[in-house]
Structure formats: structure tokens, C-alpha cells
Amino acid sequence: MARQRRRKNKFEKSMISLTVTTAFCVFVSLFFFKAQLSSVNIEVEKLKKDVSKQQKVNESLTMKVNELVSLENMQLVAASNGLEYNNNNIIVIQK
């Protein structure tokens, strides 16, 4: 008994081609979005590195400001300009 091959009608052919096209589009879009995600992750890591560098710079500048504001430094600057530090002239105002 030989089996006869059943011929596909137009609807079946169009459904098969639509399924193949959809599967292809899904795989292409999957790879595209993974590539985009990878590039965004690279940018995020670059920005994190830049932020950490800037935080280190800010910390060093804060330390420098604290050194310049210190009482010893003010006394040195006052002495170099011919001024003197007199504790009796200091007035403390309290509420």
C-alpha cells in the first residue's frame, strides 16, 4: 500500500511561511537586544569608574580644604601678614 502525499493548500503554506518568518524575526530581535544590553552594560561600567574617580578627587579636595581652614594655617597666614592671634579679642555670642 503506497501512501499518497497530501498536498498543502494555500492556508497551510501561508501559515508555515508565517511561522518561519516569525521565528526568524524573534531570533534576530533576541540577538539585537542582547547586543544592546551588552553595550549599555559597558557604558554603565564606564560611568561607575568615572564616578569613583570623581569621588576620590572630591575627597582629596575636601581634605585640602580642611587643611587650609585649620587654626594653625590661619595663624601662619596671619603671622606672615603681620597680624597676631589674641584670644582676648574673641567674643562668643550665645542665644
PDB file of N, CA and C in Angstrom:
ATOM      1  N   MET A   1       0.813  -1.184   0.000  1.00  0.00           N
ATOM      2  CA  MET A   1       0.000   0.000   0.000  1.00  0.00           C
ATOM      3  C   MET A   1       0.863   1.257   0.000  1.00  0.00           C
ATOM      4  N   ALA A   2       0.817   1.912  -1.019  1.00  0.00           N
ATOM      5  CA  ALA A   2       1.560   3.154  -1.131  1.00  0.00           C
ATOM      6  C   ALA A   2       0.706   4.295  -0.612  1.00  0.00           C
ATOM      7  N   ARG A   3       1.332   5.086   0.238  1.00  0.00           N
ATOM      8  CA  ARG A   3       0.607   6.248   0.782  1.00  0.00           C
ATOM      9  C   ARG A   3       0.685   7.396  -0.204  1.00  0.00           C
ATOM     10  N   GLN A   4      -0.359   8.021  -0.386  1.00  0.00           N
ATOM     11  CA  GLN A   4      -0.362   9.180  -1.263  1.00  0.00           C
ATOM     12  C   GLN A   4      -0.016  10.418  -0.433  1.00  0.00           C
ATOM     13  N   ARG A   5       0.778  11.246  -1.009  1.00  0.00           N
ATOM     14  CA  ARG A   5       1.136  12.501  -0.333  1.00  0.00           C
ATOM     15  C   ARG A   5      -0.021  13.470  -0.444  1.00  0.00           C
ATOM     16  N   ARG A   6      -0.288  14.070   0.662  1.00  0.00           N
ATOM     17  CA  ARG A   6      -1.364  15.037   0.698  1.00  0.00           C
ATOM     18  C   ARG A   6      -0.797  16.394   0.322  1.00  0.00           C
ATOM     19  N   ARG A   7      -1.382  17.078  -0.544  1.00  0.00           N
ATOM     20  CA  ARG A   7      -0.912  18.394  -0.977  1.00  0.00           C
ATOM     21  C   ARG A   7      -1.371  19.443   0.010  1.00  0.00           C
ATOM     22  N   LYS A   8      -0.498  20.440   0.234  1.00  0.00           N
ATOM     23  CA  LYS A   8      -0.827  21.520   1.166  1.00  0.00           C
ATOM     24  C   LYS A   8      -1.607  22.597   0.425  1.00  0.00           C
ATOM     25  N   ASN A   9      -2.615  23.083   1.089  1.00  0.00           N
ATOM     26  CA  ASN A   9      -3.394  24.145   0.460  1.00  0.00           C
ATOM     27  C   ASN A   9      -2.759  25.506   0.764  1.00  0.00           C
ATOM     28  N   LYS A  10      -3.321  26.562   0.249  1.00  0.00           N
ATOM     29  CA  LYS A  10      -2.751  27.908   0.396  1.00  0.00           C
ATOM     30  C   LYS A  10      -2.664  28.332   1.855  1.00  0.00           C
ATOM     31  N   PHE A  11      -3.665  28.024   2.640  1.00  0.00           N
ATOM     32  CA  PHE A  11      -3.690  28.421   4.042  1.00  0.00           C
ATOM     33  C   PHE A  11      -2.540  27.765   4.807  1.00  0.00           C
ATOM     34  N   GLU A  12      -2.312  26.474   4.576  1.00  0.00           N
ATOM     35  CA  GLU A  12      -1.224  25.773   5.264  1.00  0.00           C
ATOM     36  C   GLU A  12       0.129  26.320   4.847  1.00  0.00           C
ATOM     37  N   LYS A  13       0.301  26.608   3.568  1.00  0.00           N
ATOM     38  CA  LYS A  13       1.567  27.175   3.083  1.00  0.00           C
ATOM     39  C   LYS A  13       1.824  28.547   3.708  1.00  0.00           C
ATOM     40  N   SER A  14       0.783  29.364   3.767  1.00  0.00           N
ATOM     41  CA  SER A  14       0.959  30.703   4.339  1.00  0.00           C
ATOM     42  C   SER A  14       1.225  30.620   5.849  1.00  0.00           C
ATOM     43  N   MET A  15       0.582  29.686   6.536  1.00  0.00           N
ATOM     44  CA  MET A  15       0.839  29.521   7.980  1.00  0.00           C
ATOM     45  C   MET A  15       2.266  29.052   8.237  1.00  0.00           C
ATOM     46  N   ILE A  16       2.769  28.154   7.426  1.00  0.00           N
ATOM     47  CA  ILE A  16       4.147  27.672   7.580  1.00  0.00           C
ATOM     48  C   ILE A  16       5.124  28.805   7.327  1.00  0.00           C
ATOM     49  N   SER A  17       4.916  29.568   6.257  1.00  0.00           N
ATOM     50  CA  SER A  17       5.828  30.680   5.961  1.00  0.00           C
ATOM     51  C   SER A  17       5.741  31.756   7.043  1.00  0.00           C
ATOM     52  N   LEU A  18       4.544  32.003   7.575  1.00  0.00           N
ATOM     53  CA  LEU A  18       4.386  32.986   8.653  1.00  0.00           C
ATOM     54  C   LEU A  18       5.101  32.512   9.920  1.00  0.00           C
ATOM     55  N   THR A  19       4.998  31.235  10.220  1.00  0.00           N
ATOM     56  CA  THR A  19       5.668  30.690  11.403  1.00  0.00           C
ATOM     57  C   THR A  19       7.187  30.785  11.270  1.00  0.00           C
ATOM     58  N   VAL A  20       7.702  30.433  10.097  1.00  0.00           N
ATOM     59  CA  VAL A  20       9.151  30.509   9.861  1.00  0.00           C
ATOM     60  C   VAL A  20       9.614  31.956   9.935  1.00  0.00           C
ATOM     61  N   THR A  21       8.877  32.864   9.338  1.00  0.00           N
ATOM     62  CA  THR A  21       9.238  34.289   9.370  1.00  0.00           C
ATOM     63  C   THR A  21       9.196  34.830  10.795  1.00  0.00           C
ATOM     64  N   THR A  22       8.195  34.463  11.548  1.00  0.00           N
ATOM     65  CA  THR A  22       8.088  34.917  12.939  1.00  0.00           C
ATOM     66  C   THR A  22       9.236  34.386  13.775  1.00  0.00           C
ATOM     67  N   ALA A  23       9.570  33.106  13.600  1.00  0.00           N
ATOM     68  CA  ALA A  23      10.685  32.518  14.350  1.00  0.00           C
ATOM     69  C   ALA A  23      11.993  33.226  14.003  1.00  0.00           C
ATOM     70  N   PHE A  24      12.195  33.510  12.734  1.00  0.00           N
ATOM     71  CA  PHE A  24      13.403  34.216  12.314  1.00  0.00           C
ATOM     72  C   PHE A  24      13.467  35.611  12.938  1.00  0.00           C
ATOM     73  N   CYS A  25      12.361  36.326  12.914  1.00  0.00           N
ATOM     74  CA  CYS A  25      12.324  37.678  13.499  1.00  0.00           C
ATOM     75  C   CYS A  25      12.570  37.641  15.006  1.00  0.00           C
ATOM     76  N   VAL A  26      12.039  36.643  15.678  1.00  0.00           N
ATOM     77  CA  VAL A  26      12.252  36.528  17.115  1.00  0.00           C
ATOM     78  C   VAL A  26      13.725  36.307  17.415  1.00  0.00           C
ATOM     79  N   PHE A  27      14.376  35.424  16.667  1.00  0.00           N
ATOM     80  CA  PHE A  27      15.802  35.172  16.917  1.00  0.00           C
ATOM     81  C   PHE A  27      16.662  36.392  16.602  1.00  0.00           C
ATOM     82  N   VAL A  28      16.347  37.083  15.523  1.00  0.00           N
ATOM     83  CA  VAL A  28      17.118  38.280  15.166  1.00  0.00           C
ATOM     84  C   VAL A  28      16.934  39.359  16.223  1.00  0.00           C
ATOM     85  N   SER A  29      15.702  39.567  16.659  1.00  0.00           N
ATOM     86  CA  SER A  29      15.472  40.596  17.675  1.00  0.00           C
ATOM     87  C   SER A  29      16.103  40.208  19.007  1.00  0.00           C
ATOM     88  N   LEU A  30      16.118  38.925  19.328  1.00  0.00           N
ATOM     89  CA  LEU A  30      16.760  38.464  20.559  1.00  0.00           C
ATOM     90  C   LEU A  30      18.243  38.805  20.551  1.00  0.00           C
ATOM     91  N   PHE A  31      18.924  38.510  19.447  1.00  0.00           N
ATOM     92  CA  PHE A  31      20.345  38.832  19.358  1.00  0.00           C
ATOM     93  C   PHE A  31      20.575  40.343  19.372  1.00  0.00           C
ATOM     94  N   PHE A  32      19.707  41.088  18.715  1.00  0.00           N
ATOM     95  CA  PHE A  32      19.846  42.537  18.695  1.00  0.00           C
ATOM     96  C   PHE A  32      19.722  43.124  20.099  1.00  0.00           C
ATOM     97  N   PHE A  33      18.712  42.682  20.845  1.00  0.00           N
ATOM     98  CA  PHE A  33      18.512  43.231  22.181  1.00  0.00           C
ATOM     99  C   PHE A  33      19.614  42.797  23.144  1.00  0.00           C
ATOM    100  N   LYS A  34      20.161  41.603  22.958  1.00  0.00           N
ATOM    101  CA  LYS A  34      21.290  41.193  23.798  1.00  0.00           C
ATOM    102  C   LYS A  34      22.518  42.046  23.507  1.00  0.00           C
ATOM    103  N   ALA A  35      22.738  42.381  22.256  1.00  0.00           N
ATOM    104  CA  ALA A  35      23.858  43.252  21.896  1.00  0.00           C
ATOM    105  C   ALA A  35      23.661  44.645  22.480  1.00  0.00           C
ATOM    106  N   GLN A  36      22.445  45.155  22.431  1.00  0.00           N
ATOM    107  CA  GLN A  36      22.150  46.468  23.013  1.00  0.00           C
ATOM    108  C   GLN A  36      22.375  46.452  24.517  1.00  0.00           C
ATOM    109  N   LEU A  37      21.927  45.401  25.179  1.00  0.00           N
ATOM    110  CA  LEU A  37      22.100  45.280  26.616  1.00  0.00           C
ATOM    111  C   LEU A  37      23.571  45.234  26.980  1.00  0.00           C
ATOM    112  N   SER A  38      24.341  44.539  26.184  1.00  0.00           N
ATOM    113  CA  SER A  38      25.778  44.456  26.429  1.00  0.00           C
ATOM    114  C   SER A  38      26.431  45.830  26.311  1.00  0.00           C
ATOM    115  N   SER A  39      26.070  46.584  25.289  1.00  0.00           N
ATOM    116  CA  SER A  39      26.672  47.911  25.117  1.00  0.00           C
ATOM    117  C   SER A  39      26.246  48.853  26.241  1.00  0.00           C
ATOM    118  N   VAL A  40      25.012  48.731  26.705  1.00  0.00           N
ATOM    119  CA  VAL A  40      24.552  49.571  27.820  1.00  0.00           C
ATOM    120  C   VAL A  40      25.302  49.205  29.101  1.00  0.00           C
ATOM    121  N   ASN A  41      25.536  47.918  29.310  1.00  0.00           N
ATOM    122  CA  ASN A  41      26.295  47.496  30.490  1.00  0.00           C
ATOM    123  C   ASN A  41      27.723  48.025  30.456  1.00  0.00           C
ATOM    124  N   ILE A  42      28.316  48.065  29.284  1.00  0.00           N
ATOM    125  CA  ILE A  42      29.667  48.621  29.151  1.00  0.00           C
ATOM    126  C   ILE A  42      29.665  50.101  29.513  1.00  0.00           C
ATOM    127  N   GLU A  43      28.660  50.833  29.036  1.00  0.00           N
ATOM    128  CA  GLU A  43      28.547  52.257  29.367  1.00  0.00           C
ATOM    129  C   GLU A  43      28.353  52.469  30.868  1.00  0.00           C
ATOM    130  N   VAL A  44      27.554  51.619  31.491  1.00  0.00           N
ATOM    131  CA  VAL A  44      27.320  51.737  32.931  1.00  0.00           C
ATOM    132  C   VAL A  44      28.618  51.532  33.694  1.00  0.00           C
ATOM    133  N   GLU A  45      29.410  50.557  33.291  1.00  0.00           N
ATOM    134  CA  GLU A  45      30.684  50.310  33.972  1.00  0.00           C
ATOM    135  C   GLU A  45      31.641  51.483  33.790  1.00  0.00           C
ATOM    136  N   LYS A  46      31.652  52.085  32.605  1.00  0.00           N
ATOM    137  CA  LYS A  46      32.498  53.261  32.377  1.00  0.00           C
ATOM    138  C   LYS A  46      32.066  54.409  33.289  1.00  0.00           C
ATOM    139  N   LEU A  47      30.760  54.611  33.391  1.00  0.00           N
ATOM    140  CA  LEU A  47      30.253  55.690  34.241  1.00  0.00           C
ATOM    141  C   LEU A  47      30.553  55.430  35.717  1.00  0.00           C
ATOM    142  N   LYS A  48      30.458  54.173  36.144  1.00  0.00           N
ATOM    143  CA  LYS A  48      30.796  53.845  37.533  1.00  0.00           C
ATOM    144  C   LYS A  48      32.265  54.157  37.812  1.00  0.00           C
ATOM    145  N   LYS A  49      33.123  53.848  36.850  1.00  0.00           N
ATOM    146  CA  LYS A  49      34.547  54.131  37.009  1.00  0.00           C
ATOM    147  C   LYS A  49      34.791  55.635  37.094  1.00  0.00           C
ATOM    148  N   ASP A  50      34.111  56.398  36.241  1.00  0.00           N
ATOM    149  CA  ASP A  50      34.253  57.857  36.276  1.00  0.00           C
ATOM    150  C   ASP A  50      33.747  58.434  37.596  1.00  0.00           C
ATOM    151  N   VAL A  51      32.652  57.892  38.107  1.00  0.00           N
ATOM    152  CA  VAL A  51      32.101  58.375  39.379  1.00  0.00           C
ATOM    153  C   VAL A  51      33.066  58.093  40.518  1.00  0.00           C
ATOM    154  N   SER A  52      33.667  56.909  40.521  1.00  0.00           N
ATOM    155  CA  SER A  52      34.603  56.595  41.608  1.00  0.00           C
ATOM    156  C   SER A  52      35.836  57.489  41.527  1.00  0.00           C
ATOM    157  N   LYS A  53      36.309  57.786  40.323  1.00  0.00           N
ATOM    158  CA  LYS A  53      37.436  58.712  40.180  1.00  0.00           C
ATOM    159  C   LYS A  53      37.074  60.088  40.731  1.00  0.00           C
ATOM    160  N   GLN A  54      35.883  60.569  40.386  1.00  0.00           N
ATOM    161  CA  GLN A  54      35.460  61.885  40.845  1.00  0.00           C
ATOM    162  C   GLN A  54      35.284  61.913  42.356  1.00  0.00           C
ATOM    163  N   GLN A  55      34.812  60.826  42.941  1.00  0.00           N
ATOM    164  CA  GLN A  55      34.675  60.767  44.394  1.00  0.00           C
ATOM    165  C   GLN A  55      36.036  60.854  45.070  1.00  0.00           C
ATOM    166  N   LYS A  56      37.045  60.205  44.488  1.00  0.00           N
ATOM    167  CA  LYS A  56      38.400  60.292  45.056  1.00  0.00           C
ATOM    168  C   LYS A  56      38.929  61.724  44.970  1.00  0.00           C
ATOM    169  N   VAL A  57      38.665  62.377  43.841  1.00  0.00           N
ATOM    170  CA  VAL A  57      39.106  63.765  43.680  1.00  0.00           C
ATOM    171  C   VAL A  57      38.402  64.653  44.698  1.00  0.00           C
ATOM    172  N   ASN A  58      37.101  64.441  44.887  1.00  0.00           N
ATOM    173  CA  ASN A  58      36.342  65.234  45.856  1.00  0.00           C
ATOM    174  C   ASN A  58      36.856  65.030  47.271  1.00  0.00           C
ATOM    175  N   GLU A  59      37.183  63.791  47.622  1.00  0.00           N
ATOM    176  CA  GLU A  59      37.724  63.522  48.960  1.00  0.00           C
ATOM    177  C   GLU A  59      39.060  64.219  49.172  1.00  0.00           C
ATOM    178  N   SER A  60      39.923  64.181  48.157  1.00  0.00           N
ATOM    179  CA  SER A  60      41.216  64.843  48.309  1.00  0.00           C
ATOM    180  C   SER A  60      41.046  66.357  48.425  1.00  0.00           C
ATOM    181  N   LEU A  61      40.105  66.920  47.662  1.00  0.00           N
ATOM    182  CA  LEU A  61      39.862  68.360  47.763  1.00  0.00           C
ATOM    183  C   LEU A  61      39.266  68.735  49.119  1.00  0.00           C
ATOM    184  N   THR A  62      38.420  67.874  49.666  1.00  0.00           N
ATOM    185  CA  THR A  62      37.858  68.125  50.990  1.00  0.00           C
ATOM    186  C   THR A  62      38.954  68.122  52.040  1.00  0.00           C
ATOM    187  N   MET A  63      39.873  67.174  51.915  1.00  0.00           N
ATOM    188  CA  MET A  63      40.993  67.138  52.864  1.00  0.00           C
ATOM    189  C   MET A  63      41.845  68.397  52.736  1.00  0.00           C
ATOM    190  N   LYS A  64      42.056  68.858  51.509  1.00  0.00           N
ATOM    191  CA  LYS A  64      42.850  70.064  51.289  1.00  0.00           C
ATOM    192  C   LYS A  64      42.168  71.287  51.906  1.00  0.00           C
ATOM    193  N   VAL A  65      40.851  71.374  51.741  1.00  0.00           N
ATOM    194  CA  VAL A  65      40.091  72.491  52.324  1.00  0.00           C
ATOM    195  C   VAL A  65      40.203  72.454  53.842  1.00  0.00           C
ATOM    196  N   ASN A  66      40.068  71.273  54.426  1.00  0.00           N
ATOM    197  CA  ASN A  66      40.177  71.150  55.879  1.00  0.00           C
ATOM    198  C   ASN A  66      41.562  71.564  56.380  1.00  0.00           C
ATOM    199  N   GLU A  67      42.589  71.255  55.605  1.00  0.00           N
ATOM    200  CA  GLU A  67      43.939  71.691  55.995  1.00  0.00           C
ATOM    201  C   GLU A  67      44.056  73.212  55.943  1.00  0.00           C
ATOM    202  N   LEU A  68      43.500  73.815  54.901  1.00  0.00           N
ATOM    203  CA  LEU A  68      43.606  75.269  54.750  1.00  0.00           C
ATOM    204  C   LEU A  68      42.767  76.015  55.778  1.00  0.00           C
ATOM    205  N   VAL A  69      41.702  75.415  56.280  1.00  0.00           N
ATOM    206  CA  VAL A  69      40.832  76.068  57.238  1.00  0.00           C
ATOM    207  C   VAL A  69      41.341  75.900  58.671  1.00  0.00           C
ATOM    208  N   SER A  70      42.312  75.063  58.855  1.00  0.00           N
ATOM    209  CA  SER A  70      42.767  74.766  60.215  1.00  0.00           C
ATOM    210  C   SER A  70      43.292  76.027  60.918  1.00  0.00           C
ATOM    211  N   LEU A  71      43.229  76.008  62.238  1.00  0.00           N
ATOM    212  CA  LEU A  71      43.658  77.151  63.042  1.00  0.00           C
ATOM    213  C   LEU A  71      45.148  77.428  62.867  1.00  0.00           C
ATOM    214  N   GLU A  72      45.942  76.385  62.767  1.00  0.00           N
ATOM    215  CA  GLU A  72      47.391  76.567  62.596  1.00  0.00           C
ATOM    216  C   GLU A  72      47.696  77.305  61.301  1.00  0.00           C
ATOM    217  N   ASN A  73      47.001  76.938  60.237  1.00  0.00           N
ATOM    218  CA  ASN A  73      47.235  77.599  58.957  1.00  0.00           C
ATOM    219  C   ASN A  73      46.800  79.063  59.018  1.00  0.00           C
ATOM    220  N   MET A  74      45.668  79.332  59.681  1.00  0.00           N
ATOM    221  CA  MET A  74      45.237  80.725  59.811  1.00  0.00           C
ATOM    222  C   MET A  74      46.250  81.538  60.605  1.00  0.00           C
ATOM    223  N   GLN A  75      46.833  80.942  61.644  1.00  0.00           N
ATOM    224  CA  GLN A  75      47.837  81.654  62.434  1.00  0.00           C
ATOM    225  C   GLN A  75      49.094  81.913  61.612  1.00  0.00           C
ATOM    226  N   LEU A  76      49.490  80.965  60.759  1.00  0.00           N
ATOM    227  CA  LEU A  76      50.654  81.175  59.897  1.00  0.00           C
ATOM    228  C   LEU A  76      50.407  82.301  58.899  1.00  0.00           C
ATOM    229  N   VAL A  77      49.218  82.326  58.321  1.00  0.00           N
ATOM    230  CA  VAL A  77      48.893  83.379  57.351  1.00  0.00           C
ATOM    231  C   VAL A  77      48.822  84.730  58.059  1.00  0.00           C
ATOM    232  N   ALA A  78      48.230  84.745  59.244  1.00  0.00           N
ATOM    233  CA  ALA A  78      48.150  85.997  60.000  1.00  0.00           C
ATOM    234  C   ALA A  78      49.540  86.488  60.375  1.00  0.00           C
ATOM    235  N   ALA A  79      50.414  85.578  60.810  1.00  0.00           N
ATOM    236  CA  ALA A  79      51.776  85.974  61.188  1.00  0.00           C
ATOM    237  C   ALA A  79      52.556  86.470  59.981  1.00  0.00           C
ATOM    238  N   SER A  80      52.354  85.856  58.823  1.00  0.00           N
ATOM    239  CA  SER A  80      53.088  86.297  57.631  1.00  0.00           C
ATOM    240  C   SER A  80      52.603  87.659  57.154  1.00  0.00           C
ATOM    241  N   ASN A  81      51.397  88.047  57.495  1.00  0.00           N
ATOM    242  CA  ASN A  81      50.869  89.363  57.128  1.00  0.00           C
ATOM    243  C   ASN A  81      51.020  90.389  58.242  1.00  0.00           C
ATOM    244  N   GLY A  82      51.724  90.021  59.304  1.00  0.00           N
ATOM    245  CA  GLY A  82      51.984  90.963  60.383  1.00  0.00           C
ATOM    246  C   GLY A  82      50.869  91.056  61.401  1.00  0.00           C
ATOM    247  N   LEU A  83      49.966  90.126  61.412  1.00  0.00           N
ATOM    248  CA  LEU A  83      48.880  90.128  62.382  1.00  0.00           C
ATOM    249  C   LEU A  83      49.202  89.131  63.491  1.00  0.00           C
ATOM    250  N   GLU A  84      48.504  89.259  64.594  1.00  0.00           N
ATOM    251  CA  GLU A  84      48.732  88.307  65.678  1.00  0.00           C
ATOM    252  C   GLU A  84      47.403  87.783  66.200  1.00  0.00           C
ATOM    253  N   TYR A  85      47.435  86.604  66.770  1.00  0.00           N
ATOM    254  CA  TYR A  85      46.254  85.942  67.300  1.00  0.00           C
ATOM    255  C   TYR A  85      46.154  86.297  68.769  1.00  0.00           C
ATOM    256  N   ASN A  86      45.073  86.998  69.127  1.00  0.00           N
ATOM    257  CA  ASN A  86      44.872  87.405  70.508  1.00  0.00           C
ATOM    258  C   ASN A  86      43.564  86.788  70.979  1.00  0.00           C
ATOM    259  N   ASN A  87      43.652  85.882  71.932  1.00  0.00           N
ATOM    260  CA  ASN A  87      42.483  85.165  72.421  1.00  0.00           C
ATOM    261  C   ASN A  87      41.545  86.080  73.203  1.00  0.00           C
ATOM    262  N   ASN A  88      42.025  87.204  73.712  1.00  0.00           N
ATOM    263  CA  ASN A  88      41.190  88.124  74.491  1.00  0.00           C
ATOM    264  C   ASN A  88      40.201  88.891  73.610  1.00  0.00           C
ATOM    265  N   ASN A  89      40.467  88.976  72.321  1.00  0.00           N
ATOM    266  CA  ASN A  89      39.595  89.732  71.412  1.00  0.00           C
ATOM    267  C   ASN A  89      38.430  88.904  70.888  1.00  0.00           C
ATOM    268  N   ILE A  90      38.384  87.621  71.238  1.00  0.00           N
ATOM    269  CA  ILE A  90      37.353  86.737  70.707  1.00  0.00           C
ATOM    270  C   ILE A  90      36.117  86.855  71.583  1.00  0.00           C
ATOM    271  N   ILE A  91      34.974  87.110  70.954  1.00  0.00           N
ATOM    272  CA  ILE A  91      33.709  87.228  71.676  1.00  0.00           C
ATOM    273  C   ILE A  91      32.808  86.108  71.216  1.00  0.00           C
ATOM    274  N   VAL A  92      32.275  85.359  72.160  1.00  0.00           N
ATOM    275  CA  VAL A  92      31.371  84.263  71.841  1.00  0.00           C
ATOM    276  C   VAL A  92      29.948  84.717  72.131  1.00  0.00           C
ATOM    277  N   ILE A  93      29.092  84.603  71.128  1.00  0.00           N
ATOM    278  CA  ILE A  93      27.700  85.022  71.282  1.00  0.00           C
ATOM    279  C   ILE A  93      26.841  83.765  71.397  1.00  0.00           C
ATOM    280  N   GLN A  94      26.069  83.690  72.461  1.00  0.00           N
ATOM    281  CA  GLN A  94      25.186  82.541  72.636  1.00  0.00           C
ATOM    282  C   GLN A  94      23.747  83.027  72.736  1.00  0.00           C
ATOM    283  N   LYS A  95      22.837  82.237  72.249  1.00  0.00           N
ATOM    284  CA  LYS A  95      21.424  82.608  72.319  1.00  0.00           C
ATOM    285  C   LYS A  95      20.788  81.991  73.511  1.00  0.00           C
TER     286      LYS A  95
END
